[in-house]
Amino acid sequence: MCCKERHGHGHHHGCQCENECHCGCGCGGESCCGGAGGFQRRYRTKAEQTAELEKYLADLKAEVQAVEEQLASLRQ
């Protein structure tokens, strides 16, 4: 399980929790926690935030549609 899912951390750069954790969150993911060293961005641009929220909204709408379809199927 990804550290974002498990700990609620804001790792918005593609979590890959399969290696040893170096940030102290205990997720076990070197690549999501920047354990390889070097610079790691903490802040996102307005455009990045907007794109992420638009994708999230699309995912929510798809989930609503799937629930509505499932309910319609069960009601038949």
PDB file of N, CA and C in Angstrom:
ATOM      1  N   MET A   1       0.840  -1.184   0.000  1.00  0.00           N
ATOM      2  CA  MET A   1       0.000   0.000   0.000  1.00  0.00           C
ATOM      3  C   MET A   1       0.877   1.236   0.000  1.00  0.00           C
ATOM      4  N   CYS A   2       0.461   2.213  -0.736  1.00  0.00           N
ATOM      5  CA  CYS A   2       1.191   3.465  -0.882  1.00  0.00           C
ATOM      6  C   CYS A   2       1.170   4.268   0.412  1.00  0.00           C
ATOM      7  N   CYS A   3       2.245   5.008   0.669  1.00  0.00           N
ATOM      8  CA  CYS A   3       2.306   5.829   1.881  1.00  0.00           C
ATOM      9  C   CYS A   3       1.224   6.897   1.871  1.00  0.00           C
ATOM     10  N   LYS A   4       0.841   7.392   0.715  1.00  0.00           N
ATOM     11  CA  LYS A   4      -0.214   8.385   0.629  1.00  0.00           C
ATOM     12  C   LYS A   4      -1.524   7.800   1.147  1.00  0.00           C
ATOM     13  N   GLU A   5      -1.798   6.559   0.774  1.00  0.00           N
ATOM     14  CA  GLU A   5      -3.021   5.901   1.216  1.00  0.00           C
ATOM     15  C   GLU A   5      -2.936   5.531   2.693  1.00  0.00           C
ATOM     16  N   ARG A   6      -1.774   5.082   3.120  1.00  0.00           N
ATOM     17  CA  ARG A   6      -1.630   4.574   4.474  1.00  0.00           C
ATOM     18  C   ARG A   6      -1.470   5.677   5.506  1.00  0.00           C
ATOM     19  N   HIS A   7      -0.766   6.733   5.159  1.00  0.00           N
ATOM     20  CA  HIS A   7      -0.445   7.762   6.136  1.00  0.00           C
ATOM     21  C   HIS A   7      -1.054   9.116   5.826  1.00  0.00           C
ATOM     22  N   GLY A   8      -1.693   9.258   4.659  1.00  0.00           N
ATOM     23  CA  GLY A   8      -2.276  10.537   4.300  1.00  0.00           C
ATOM     24  C   GLY A   8      -1.258  11.589   3.909  1.00  0.00           C
ATOM     25  N   HIS A   9      -0.026  11.186   3.630  1.00  0.00           N
ATOM     26  CA  HIS A   9       0.987  12.152   3.206  1.00  0.00           C
ATOM     27  C   HIS A   9       0.641  12.666   1.821  1.00  0.00           C
ATOM     28  N   GLY A  10       1.042  13.873   1.534  1.00  0.00           N
ATOM     29  CA  GLY A  10       0.771  14.479   0.241  1.00  0.00           C
ATOM     30  C   GLY A  10       1.833  14.165  -0.783  1.00  0.00           C
ATOM     31  N   HIS A  11       2.148  12.922  -1.024  1.00  0.00           N
ATOM     32  CA  HIS A  11       3.133  12.549  -2.043  1.00  0.00           C
ATOM     33  C   HIS A  11       2.430  12.553  -3.390  1.00  0.00           C
ATOM     34  N   HIS A  12       2.523  13.664  -4.098  1.00  0.00           N
ATOM     35  CA  HIS A  12       1.784  13.825  -5.336  1.00  0.00           C
ATOM     36  C   HIS A  12       2.632  13.492  -6.557  1.00  0.00           C
ATOM     37  N   HIS A  13       3.737  12.843  -6.395  1.00  0.00           N
ATOM     38  CA  HIS A  13       4.641  12.631  -7.508  1.00  0.00           C
ATOM     39  C   HIS A  13       4.767  11.165  -7.892  1.00  0.00           C
ATOM     40  N   GLY A  14       3.740  10.360  -7.665  1.00  0.00           N
ATOM     41  CA  GLY A  14       3.776   8.977  -8.109  1.00  0.00           C
ATOM     42  C   GLY A  14       4.436   8.069  -7.110  1.00  0.00           C
ATOM     43  N   CYS A  15       3.760   7.741  -6.076  1.00  0.00           N
ATOM     44  CA  CYS A  15       4.304   6.919  -5.002  1.00  0.00           C
ATOM     45  C   CYS A  15       4.611   5.506  -5.482  1.00  0.00           C
ATOM     46  N   GLN A  16       5.733   4.978  -5.096  1.00  0.00           N
ATOM     47  CA  GLN A  16       6.166   3.625  -5.439  1.00  0.00           C
ATOM     48  C   GLN A  16       6.783   3.001  -4.196  1.00  0.00           C
ATOM     49  N   CYS A  17       5.973   2.607  -3.255  1.00  0.00           N
ATOM     50  CA  CYS A  17       6.466   2.181  -1.940  1.00  0.00           C
ATOM     51  C   CYS A  17       6.930   0.728  -1.938  1.00  0.00           C
ATOM     52  N   GLU A  18       8.067   0.458  -2.535  1.00  0.00           N
ATOM     53  CA  GLU A  18       8.579  -0.898  -2.446  1.00  0.00           C
ATOM     54  C   GLU A  18       9.975  -0.972  -1.842  1.00  0.00           C
ATOM     55  N   ASN A  19      10.569   0.153  -1.542  1.00  0.00           N
ATOM     56  CA  ASN A  19      11.912   0.180  -0.982  1.00  0.00           C
ATOM     57  C   ASN A  19      11.892   0.716   0.441  1.00  0.00           C
ATOM     58  N   GLU A  20      13.052   0.806   1.039  1.00  0.00           N
ATOM     59  CA  GLU A  20      13.158   1.288   2.416  1.00  0.00           C
ATOM     60  C   GLU A  20      12.813   2.767   2.512  1.00  0.00           C
ATOM     61  N   CYS A  21      12.058   3.132   3.515  1.00  0.00           N
ATOM     62  CA  CYS A  21      11.624   4.515   3.715  1.00  0.00           C
ATOM     63  C   CYS A  21      12.738   5.319   4.383  1.00  0.00           C
ATOM     64  N   HIS A  22      12.906   6.565   3.921  1.00  0.00           N
ATOM     65  CA  HIS A  22      13.924   7.446   4.489  1.00  0.00           C
ATOM     66  C   HIS A  22      13.354   8.735   5.061  1.00  0.00           C
ATOM     67  N   CYS A  23      12.053   8.931   4.975  1.00  0.00           N
ATOM     68  CA  CYS A  23      11.497  10.202   5.447  1.00  0.00           C
ATOM     69  C   CYS A  23      10.922  10.090   6.851  1.00  0.00           C
ATOM     70  N   GLY A  24      10.864   8.895   7.409  1.00  0.00           N
ATOM     71  CA  GLY A  24      10.334   8.723   8.752  1.00  0.00           C
ATOM     72  C   GLY A  24       8.860   8.399   8.803  1.00  0.00           C
ATOM     73  N   CYS A  25       8.181   8.318   7.641  1.00  0.00           N
ATOM     74  CA  CYS A  25       6.751   8.022   7.668  1.00  0.00           C
ATOM     75  C   CYS A  25       6.501   6.532   7.869  1.00  0.00           C
ATOM     76  N   GLY A  26       7.515   5.704   7.647  1.00  0.00           N
ATOM     77  CA  GLY A  26       7.374   4.263   7.850  1.00  0.00           C
ATOM     78  C   GLY A  26       6.678   3.545   6.723  1.00  0.00           C
ATOM     79  N   CYS A  27       6.525   4.181   5.580  1.00  0.00           N
ATOM     80  CA  CYS A  27       5.773   3.559   4.485  1.00  0.00           C
ATOM     81  C   CYS A  27       6.582   2.491   3.765  1.00  0.00           C
ATOM     82  N   GLY A  28       7.883   2.527   3.887  1.00  0.00           N
ATOM     83  CA  GLY A  28       8.715   1.547   3.197  1.00  0.00           C
ATOM     84  C   GLY A  28       9.033   1.924   1.771  1.00  0.00           C
ATOM     85  N   GLY A  29       8.815   3.161   1.361  1.00  0.00           N
ATOM     86  CA  GLY A  29       8.997   3.526  -0.043  1.00  0.00           C
ATOM     87  C   GLY A  29      10.066   4.553  -0.289  1.00  0.00           C
ATOM     88  N   GLU A  30      11.218   4.112  -0.706  1.00  0.00           N
ATOM     89  CA  GLU A  30      12.312   5.042  -0.979  1.00  0.00           C
ATOM     90  C   GLU A  30      11.950   6.023  -2.078  1.00  0.00           C
ATOM     91  N   SER A  31      11.344   5.536  -3.149  1.00  0.00           N
ATOM     92  CA  SER A  31      11.083   6.427  -4.273  1.00  0.00           C
ATOM     93  C   SER A  31       9.994   7.444  -3.975  1.00  0.00           C
ATOM     94  N   CYS A  32       9.059   7.125  -3.099  1.00  0.00           N
ATOM     95  CA  CYS A  32       8.026   8.121  -2.794  1.00  0.00           C
ATOM     96  C   CYS A  32       8.513   9.094  -1.742  1.00  0.00           C
ATOM     97  N   CYS A  33       9.489   8.721  -0.962  1.00  0.00           N
ATOM     98  CA  CYS A  33       9.933   9.553   0.149  1.00  0.00           C
ATOM     99  C   CYS A  33      11.223  10.290  -0.148  1.00  0.00           C
ATOM    100  N   GLY A  34      11.725  10.158  -1.331  1.00  0.00           N
ATOM    101  CA  GLY A  34      12.922  10.886  -1.716  1.00  0.00           C
ATOM    102  C   GLY A  34      14.185  10.355  -1.064  1.00  0.00           C
ATOM    103  N   GLY A  35      14.207   9.082  -0.712  1.00  0.00           N
ATOM    104  CA  GLY A  35      15.345   8.492  -0.035  1.00  0.00           C
ATOM    105  C   GLY A  35      16.607   8.455  -0.868  1.00  0.00           C
ATOM    106  N   ALA A  36      16.483   8.615  -2.165  1.00  0.00           N
ATOM    107  CA  ALA A  36      17.654   8.579  -3.027  1.00  0.00           C
ATOM    108  C   ALA A  36      18.467   9.864  -2.916  1.00  0.00           C
ATOM    109  N   GLY A  37      17.966  10.839  -2.172  1.00  0.00           N
ATOM    110  CA  GLY A  37      18.679  12.098  -1.992  1.00  0.00           C
ATOM    111  C   GLY A  37      18.359  13.084  -3.078  1.00  0.00           C
ATOM    112  N   GLY A  38      18.944  14.250  -2.982  1.00  0.00           N
ATOM    113  CA  GLY A  38      18.706  15.268  -3.984  1.00  0.00           C
ATOM    114  C   GLY A  38      17.476  16.094  -3.684  1.00  0.00           C
ATOM    115  N   PHE A  39      17.194  17.004  -4.589  1.00  0.00           N
ATOM    116  CA  PHE A  39      16.071  17.925  -4.442  1.00  0.00           C
ATOM    117  C   PHE A  39      14.749  17.221  -4.675  1.00  0.00           C
ATOM    118  N   GLN A  40      13.775  17.552  -3.850  1.00  0.00           N
ATOM    119  CA  GLN A  40      12.426  17.035  -4.029  1.00  0.00           C
ATOM    120  C   GLN A  40      11.445  18.178  -3.813  1.00  0.00           C
ATOM    121  N   ARG A  41      10.595  18.423  -4.791  1.00  0.00           N
ATOM    122  CA  ARG A  41       9.620  19.515  -4.696  1.00  0.00           C
ATOM    123  C   ARG A  41       8.625  19.275  -3.585  1.00  0.00           C
ATOM    124  N   ARG A  42       8.235  20.328  -2.907  1.00  0.00           N
ATOM    125  CA  ARG A  42       7.213  20.250  -1.866  1.00  0.00           C
ATOM    126  C   ARG A  42       5.923  20.934  -2.290  1.00  0.00           C
ATOM    127  N   TYR A  43       6.009  21.870  -3.187  1.00  0.00           N
ATOM    128  CA  TYR A  43       4.859  22.673  -3.563  1.00  0.00           C
ATOM    129  C   TYR A  43       4.509  22.456  -5.023  1.00  0.00           C
ATOM    130  N   ARG A  44       3.230  22.546  -5.318  1.00  0.00           N
ATOM    131  CA  ARG A  44       2.755  22.380  -6.686  1.00  0.00           C
ATOM    132  C   ARG A  44       2.271  23.719  -7.219  1.00  0.00           C
ATOM    133  N   THR A  45       2.386  23.888  -8.516  1.00  0.00           N
ATOM    134  CA  THR A  45       1.908  25.111  -9.134  1.00  0.00           C
ATOM    135  C   THR A  45       0.387  25.106  -9.163  1.00  0.00           C
ATOM    136  N   LYS A  46      -0.173  26.265  -9.412  1.00  0.00           N
ATOM    137  CA  LYS A  46      -1.628  26.387  -9.522  1.00  0.00           C
ATOM    138  C   LYS A  46      -2.152  25.485 -10.641  1.00  0.00           C
ATOM    139  N   ALA A  47      -1.430  25.438 -11.751  1.00  0.00           N
ATOM    140  CA  ALA A  47      -1.833  24.592 -12.885  1.00  0.00           C
ATOM    141  C   ALA A  47      -1.811  23.112 -12.493  1.00  0.00           C
ATOM    142  N   GLU A  48      -0.795  22.696 -11.740  1.00  0.00           N
ATOM    143  CA  GLU A  48      -0.723  21.304 -11.287  1.00  0.00           C
ATOM    144  C   GLU A  48      -1.865  20.979 -10.330  1.00  0.00           C
ATOM    145  N   GLN A  49      -2.155  21.889  -9.429  1.00  0.00           N
ATOM    146  CA  GLN A  49      -3.254  21.679  -8.491  1.00  0.00           C
ATOM    147  C   GLN A  49      -4.585  21.583  -9.227  1.00  0.00           C
ATOM    148  N   THR A  50      -4.777  22.465 -10.206  1.00  0.00           N
ATOM    149  CA  THR A  50      -6.015  22.460 -10.989  1.00  0.00           C
ATOM    150  C   THR A  50      -6.167  21.147 -11.748  1.00  0.00           C
ATOM    151  N   ALA A  51      -5.102  20.706 -12.397  1.00  0.00           N
ATOM    152  CA  ALA A  51      -5.154  19.454 -13.159  1.00  0.00           C
ATOM    153  C   ALA A  51      -5.451  18.264 -12.242  1.00  0.00           C
ATOM    154  N   GLU A  52      -4.836  18.256 -11.074  1.00  0.00           N
ATOM    155  CA  GLU A  52      -5.067  17.160 -10.134  1.00  0.00           C
ATOM    156  C   GLU A  52      -6.521  17.153  -9.653  1.00  0.00           C
ATOM    157  N   LEU A  53      -7.054  18.325  -9.342  1.00  0.00           N
ATOM    158  CA  LEU A  53      -8.443  18.405  -8.886  1.00  0.00           C
ATOM    159  C   LEU A  53      -9.426  18.050 -10.005  1.00  0.00           C
ATOM    160  N   GLU A  54      -9.115  18.434 -11.243  1.00  0.00           N
ATOM    161  CA  GLU A  54      -9.974  18.066 -12.363  1.00  0.00           C
ATOM    162  C   GLU A  54      -9.999  16.555 -12.569  1.00  0.00           C
ATOM    163  N   LYS A  55      -8.851  15.914 -12.437  1.00  0.00           N
ATOM    164  CA  LYS A  55      -8.798  14.453 -12.553  1.00  0.00           C
ATOM    165  C   LYS A  55      -9.572  13.803 -11.409  1.00  0.00           C
ATOM    166  N   TYR A  56      -9.408  14.329 -10.210  1.00  0.00           N
ATOM    167  CA  TYR A  56     -10.125  13.808  -9.045  1.00  0.00           C
ATOM    168  C   TYR A  56     -11.635  13.923  -9.247  1.00  0.00           C
ATOM    169  N   LEU A  57     -12.093  15.065  -9.768  1.00  0.00           N
ATOM    170  CA  LEU A  57     -13.508  15.269 -10.029  1.00  0.00           C
ATOM    171  C   LEU A  57     -14.011  14.271 -11.074  1.00  0.00           C
ATOM    172  N   ALA A  58     -13.243  14.057 -12.133  1.00  0.00           N
ATOM    173  CA  ALA A  58     -13.625  13.080 -13.153  1.00  0.00           C
ATOM    174  C   ALA A  58     -13.727  11.679 -12.559  1.00  0.00           C
ATOM    175  N   ASP A  59     -12.790  11.324 -11.690  1.00  0.00           N
ATOM    176  CA  ASP A  59     -12.830  10.020 -11.018  1.00  0.00           C
ATOM    177  C   ASP A  59     -14.072   9.892 -10.139  1.00  0.00           C
ATOM    178  N   LEU A  60     -14.413  10.954  -9.436  1.00  0.00           N
ATOM    179  CA  LEU A  60     -15.616  10.935  -8.590  1.00  0.00           C
ATOM    180  C   LEU A  60     -16.876  10.775  -9.430  1.00  0.00           C
ATOM    181  N   LYS A  61     -16.947  11.486 -10.554  1.00  0.00           N
ATOM    182  CA  LYS A  61     -18.109  11.369 -11.434  1.00  0.00           C
ATOM    183  C   LYS A  61     -18.232   9.957 -11.996  1.00  0.00           C
ATOM    184  N   ALA A  62     -17.103   9.351 -12.358  1.00  0.00           N
ATOM    185  CA  ALA A  62     -17.123   7.969 -12.855  1.00  0.00           C
ATOM    186  C   ALA A  62     -17.594   7.014 -11.761  1.00  0.00           C
ATOM    187  N   GLU A  63     -17.192   7.265 -10.542  1.00  0.00           N
ATOM    188  CA  GLU A  63     -17.620   6.423  -9.413  1.00  0.00           C
ATOM    189  C   GLU A  63     -19.126   6.553  -9.191  1.00  0.00           C
ATOM    190  N   VAL A  64     -19.641   7.769  -9.263  1.00  0.00           N
ATOM    191  CA  VAL A  64     -21.081   7.983  -9.116  1.00  0.00           C
ATOM    192  C   VAL A  64     -21.831   7.228 -10.212  1.00  0.00           C
ATOM    193  N   GLN A  65     -21.350   7.332 -11.433  1.00  0.00           N
ATOM    194  CA  GLN A  65     -21.995   6.628 -12.547  1.00  0.00           C
ATOM    195  C   GLN A  65     -21.983   5.121 -12.318  1.00  0.00           C
ATOM    196  N   ALA A  66     -20.876   4.589 -11.856  1.00  0.00           N
ATOM    197  CA  ALA A  66     -20.780   3.148 -11.601  1.00  0.00           C
ATOM    198  C   ALA A  66     -21.743   2.723 -10.496  1.00  0.00           C
ATOM    199  N   VAL A  67     -21.878   3.529  -9.461  1.00  0.00           N
ATOM    200  CA  VAL A  67     -22.807   3.217  -8.370  1.00  0.00           C
ATOM    201  C   VAL A  67     -24.243   3.258  -8.882  1.00  0.00           C
ATOM    202  N   GLU A  68     -24.572   4.266  -9.685  1.00  0.00           N
ATOM    203  CA  GLU A  68     -25.916   4.360 -10.244  1.00  0.00           C
ATOM    204  C   GLU A  68     -26.232   3.165 -11.137  1.00  0.00           C
ATOM    205  N   GLU A  69     -25.273   2.735 -11.944  1.00  0.00           N
ATOM    206  CA  GLU A  69     -25.470   1.557 -12.794  1.00  0.00           C
ATOM    207  C   GLU A  69     -25.664   0.294 -11.963  1.00  0.00           C
ATOM    208  N   GLN A  70     -24.881   0.168 -10.916  1.00  0.00           N
ATOM    209  CA  GLN A  70     -24.987  -1.000 -10.033  1.00  0.00           C
ATOM    210  C   GLN A  70     -26.362  -1.027  -9.344  1.00  0.00           C
ATOM    211  N   LEU A  71     -26.816   0.126  -8.884  1.00  0.00           N
ATOM    212  CA  LEU A  71     -28.134   0.207  -8.251  1.00  0.00           C
ATOM    213  C   LEU A  71     -29.236  -0.133  -9.258  1.00  0.00           C
ATOM    214  N   ALA A  72     -29.147   0.393 -10.459  1.00  0.00           N
ATOM    215  CA  ALA A  72     -30.147   0.090 -11.502  1.00  0.00           C
ATOM    216  C   ALA A  72     -30.184  -1.398 -11.796  1.00  0.00           C
ATOM    217  N   SER A  73     -29.025  -2.006 -11.848  1.00  0.00           N
ATOM    218  CA  SER A  73     -28.950  -3.449 -12.110  1.00  0.00           C
ATOM    219  C   SER A  73     -29.588  -4.241 -10.974  1.00  0.00           C
ATOM    220  N   LEU A  74     -29.340  -3.852  -9.767  1.00  0.00           N
ATOM    221  CA  LEU A  74     -29.886  -4.561  -8.600  1.00  0.00           C
ATOM    222  C   LEU A  74     -31.403  -4.372  -8.480  1.00  0.00           C
ATOM    223  N   ARG A  75     -31.916  -3.267  -8.950  1.00  0.00           N
ATOM    224  CA  ARG A  75     -33.347  -2.985  -8.852  1.00  0.00           C
ATOM    225  C   ARG A  75     -34.179  -3.724  -9.883  1.00  0.00           C
ATOM    226  N   GLN A  76     -33.550  -4.288 -10.896  1.00  0.00           N
ATOM    227  CA  GLN A  76     -34.288  -5.013 -11.951  1.00  0.00           C
ATOM    228  C   GLN A  76     -34.745  -6.358 -11.496  1.00  0.00           C
TER     229      GLN A  76
END
